[in-house]
């Protein structure tokens, strides 16, 4: 899979809401995701502190 040289602007935020999403890990021949993530529902029973923080190593 190739790497993009495109510059991406990033805005860091403090998480306030946990949501449940569904993803499909299928990729096309270029290595791009074939499907977008789909939002399912808010998880009012969880706080951001209850979740594992994502990092590129995860």
N, C-alpha and C. Protein backbone atom coordinates (compact mmCIF):
# COMPACT_ATOMS: atom_id res chain seq x y z
N UNK A 1 0.86 -1.17 0.00
CA UNK A 1 0.00 0.00 0.00
C UNK A 1 0.90 1.23 0.00
N UNK A 2 0.63 2.20 -0.86
CA UNK A 2 1.41 3.42 -0.95
C UNK A 2 1.03 4.42 0.12
N UNK A 3 1.86 5.41 0.27
CA UNK A 3 1.61 6.45 1.25
C UNK A 3 1.32 7.75 0.53
N UNK A 4 0.39 8.52 1.07
CA UNK A 4 0.03 9.80 0.48
C UNK A 4 1.01 10.88 0.92
N UNK A 5 1.26 11.81 0.05
CA UNK A 5 2.08 12.97 0.41
C UNK A 5 1.20 14.18 0.66
N UNK A 6 -0.10 13.98 0.66
CA UNK A 6 -1.06 15.05 0.88
C UNK A 6 -1.00 15.52 2.33
N UNK A 7 -1.03 16.84 2.54
CA UNK A 7 -1.06 17.41 3.88
C UNK A 7 -2.48 17.39 4.40
N UNK A 8 -2.64 16.96 5.64
CA UNK A 8 -3.96 16.89 6.26
C UNK A 8 -3.98 17.81 7.48
N UNK A 9 -4.97 18.69 7.56
CA UNK A 9 -5.13 19.55 8.73
C UNK A 9 -5.85 18.77 9.81
N UNK A 10 -5.37 18.86 11.04
CA UNK A 10 -5.93 18.12 12.16
C UNK A 10 -6.32 19.09 13.28
N UNK A 11 -7.49 18.87 13.87
CA UNK A 11 -7.92 19.62 15.03
C UNK A 11 -8.15 18.64 16.16
N UNK A 12 -7.37 18.74 17.23
CA UNK A 12 -7.54 17.85 18.37
C UNK A 12 -8.68 18.37 19.25
N UNK A 13 -9.49 17.45 19.74
CA UNK A 13 -10.64 17.81 20.58
C UNK A 13 -10.68 16.90 21.80
N UNK A 14 -11.35 17.33 22.84
CA UNK A 14 -11.60 16.49 24.01
C UNK A 14 -12.88 15.70 23.75
N UNK A 15 -12.84 14.37 23.86
CA UNK A 15 -14.05 13.58 23.62
C UNK A 15 -15.11 13.85 24.68
N UNK A 16 -16.35 13.94 24.24
CA UNK A 16 -17.46 14.18 25.15
C UNK A 16 -18.53 13.10 25.07
N UNK A 17 -18.55 12.34 23.98
CA UNK A 17 -19.61 11.37 23.75
C UNK A 17 -19.01 10.10 23.17
N UNK A 18 -19.46 8.97 23.66
CA UNK A 18 -19.06 7.68 23.09
C UNK A 18 -20.17 7.24 22.14
N UNK A 19 -19.79 6.83 20.95
CA UNK A 19 -20.78 6.31 20.00
C UNK A 19 -20.35 4.93 19.52
N UNK A 20 -21.32 4.19 19.08
CA UNK A 20 -21.06 2.86 18.51
C UNK A 20 -21.08 2.99 17.00
N UNK A 21 -20.08 2.44 16.35
CA UNK A 21 -20.00 2.49 14.88
C UNK A 21 -19.75 1.08 14.35
N UNK A 22 -20.10 0.88 13.11
CA UNK A 22 -19.82 -0.38 12.44
C UNK A 22 -18.87 -0.10 11.29
N UNK A 23 -17.89 -0.96 11.13
CA UNK A 23 -16.93 -0.79 10.04
C UNK A 23 -16.74 -2.10 9.30
N UNK A 24 -16.40 -2.00 8.04
CA UNK A 24 -16.07 -3.15 7.21
C UNK A 24 -14.61 -2.96 6.81
N UNK A 25 -13.77 -3.94 7.07
CA UNK A 25 -12.34 -3.79 6.84
C UNK A 25 -11.92 -4.11 5.40
N UNK A 26 -12.88 -4.32 4.50
CA UNK A 26 -12.55 -4.62 3.11
C UNK A 26 -11.86 -3.42 2.46
N UNK A 27 -10.84 -3.70 1.67
CA UNK A 27 -10.10 -2.66 0.95
C UNK A 27 -10.12 -2.96 -0.54
N UNK A 28 -10.00 -1.90 -1.34
CA UNK A 28 -9.95 -2.11 -2.79
C UNK A 28 -8.51 -2.40 -3.21
N UNK A 29 -8.29 -2.55 -4.50
CA UNK A 29 -6.96 -2.91 -5.01
C UNK A 29 -5.90 -1.86 -4.68
N UNK A 30 -6.31 -0.63 -4.47
CA UNK A 30 -5.37 0.45 -4.12
C UNK A 30 -5.10 0.53 -2.63
N UNK A 31 -5.79 -0.29 -1.84
CA UNK A 31 -5.60 -0.27 -0.40
C UNK A 31 -6.52 0.68 0.34
N UNK A 32 -7.44 1.32 -0.38
CA UNK A 32 -8.40 2.23 0.26
C UNK A 32 -9.57 1.44 0.83
N UNK A 33 -10.16 1.96 1.91
CA UNK A 33 -11.34 1.31 2.49
C UNK A 33 -12.46 1.31 1.46
N UNK A 34 -13.14 0.19 1.32
CA UNK A 34 -14.23 0.08 0.34
C UNK A 34 -15.53 0.68 0.83
N UNK A 35 -15.72 0.72 2.16
CA UNK A 35 -16.98 1.20 2.72
C UNK A 35 -16.69 2.21 3.83
N UNK A 36 -17.59 3.15 4.00
CA UNK A 36 -17.44 4.12 5.08
C UNK A 36 -17.88 3.51 6.40
N UNK A 37 -17.44 4.10 7.50
CA UNK A 37 -17.92 3.68 8.82
C UNK A 37 -19.38 4.10 8.95
N UNK A 38 -20.16 3.30 9.64
CA UNK A 38 -21.58 3.60 9.82
C UNK A 38 -21.88 3.84 11.30
N UNK A 39 -22.48 4.98 11.59
CA UNK A 39 -22.87 5.33 12.94
C UNK A 39 -24.07 4.49 13.34
N UNK A 40 -24.04 3.92 14.57
CA UNK A 40 -25.17 3.13 15.04
C UNK A 40 -25.97 3.84 16.11
N UNK A 41 -25.30 4.25 17.19
CA UNK A 41 -26.05 4.88 18.28
C UNK A 41 -25.09 5.51 19.28
N UNK A 42 -25.60 6.49 20.04
CA UNK A 42 -24.78 7.02 21.14
C UNK A 42 -24.76 6.00 22.28
N UNK A 43 -23.70 5.97 23.04
CA UNK A 43 -23.58 5.06 24.18
C UNK A 43 -23.58 5.89 25.47
N UNK A 44 -24.78 6.27 25.92
CA UNK A 44 -24.92 7.09 27.11
C UNK A 44 -24.50 6.33 28.37
N UNK A 45 -24.37 5.00 28.27
CA UNK A 45 -23.95 4.21 29.41
C UNK A 45 -22.43 4.22 29.59
N UNK A 46 -21.70 4.84 28.66
CA UNK A 46 -20.24 4.90 28.73
C UNK A 46 -19.77 6.36 28.70
N UNK A 47 -18.67 6.61 29.37
CA UNK A 47 -18.03 7.93 29.26
C UNK A 47 -16.73 7.73 28.48
N UNK A 48 -16.17 8.79 27.92
CA UNK A 48 -14.90 8.63 27.20
C UNK A 48 -13.81 7.99 28.07
N UNK A 49 -13.84 8.19 29.37
CA UNK A 49 -12.85 7.58 30.26
C UNK A 49 -12.99 6.05 30.34
N UNK A 50 -14.15 5.52 29.95
CA UNK A 50 -14.39 4.07 29.99
C UNK A 50 -13.82 3.35 28.76
N UNK A 51 -13.36 4.11 27.79
CA UNK A 51 -12.91 3.50 26.53
C UNK A 51 -11.38 3.48 26.44
N UNK A 52 -10.88 2.66 25.52
CA UNK A 52 -9.44 2.59 25.27
C UNK A 52 -9.11 3.67 24.24
N UNK A 53 -8.14 4.49 24.55
CA UNK A 53 -7.74 5.55 23.63
C UNK A 53 -7.05 4.93 22.43
N UNK A 54 -7.45 5.35 21.23
CA UNK A 54 -6.87 4.81 20.01
C UNK A 54 -5.49 5.40 19.79
N UNK A 55 -4.60 4.58 19.28
CA UNK A 55 -3.29 5.07 18.84
C UNK A 55 -2.91 4.26 17.62
N UNK A 56 -2.02 4.76 16.77
CA UNK A 56 -1.65 4.02 15.56
C UNK A 56 -1.15 2.60 15.83
N UNK A 57 -0.63 2.33 17.02
CA UNK A 57 -0.14 0.98 17.34
C UNK A 57 -1.27 0.03 17.65
N UNK A 58 -2.51 0.52 17.91
CA UNK A 58 -3.63 -0.35 18.27
C UNK A 58 -4.12 -1.11 17.08
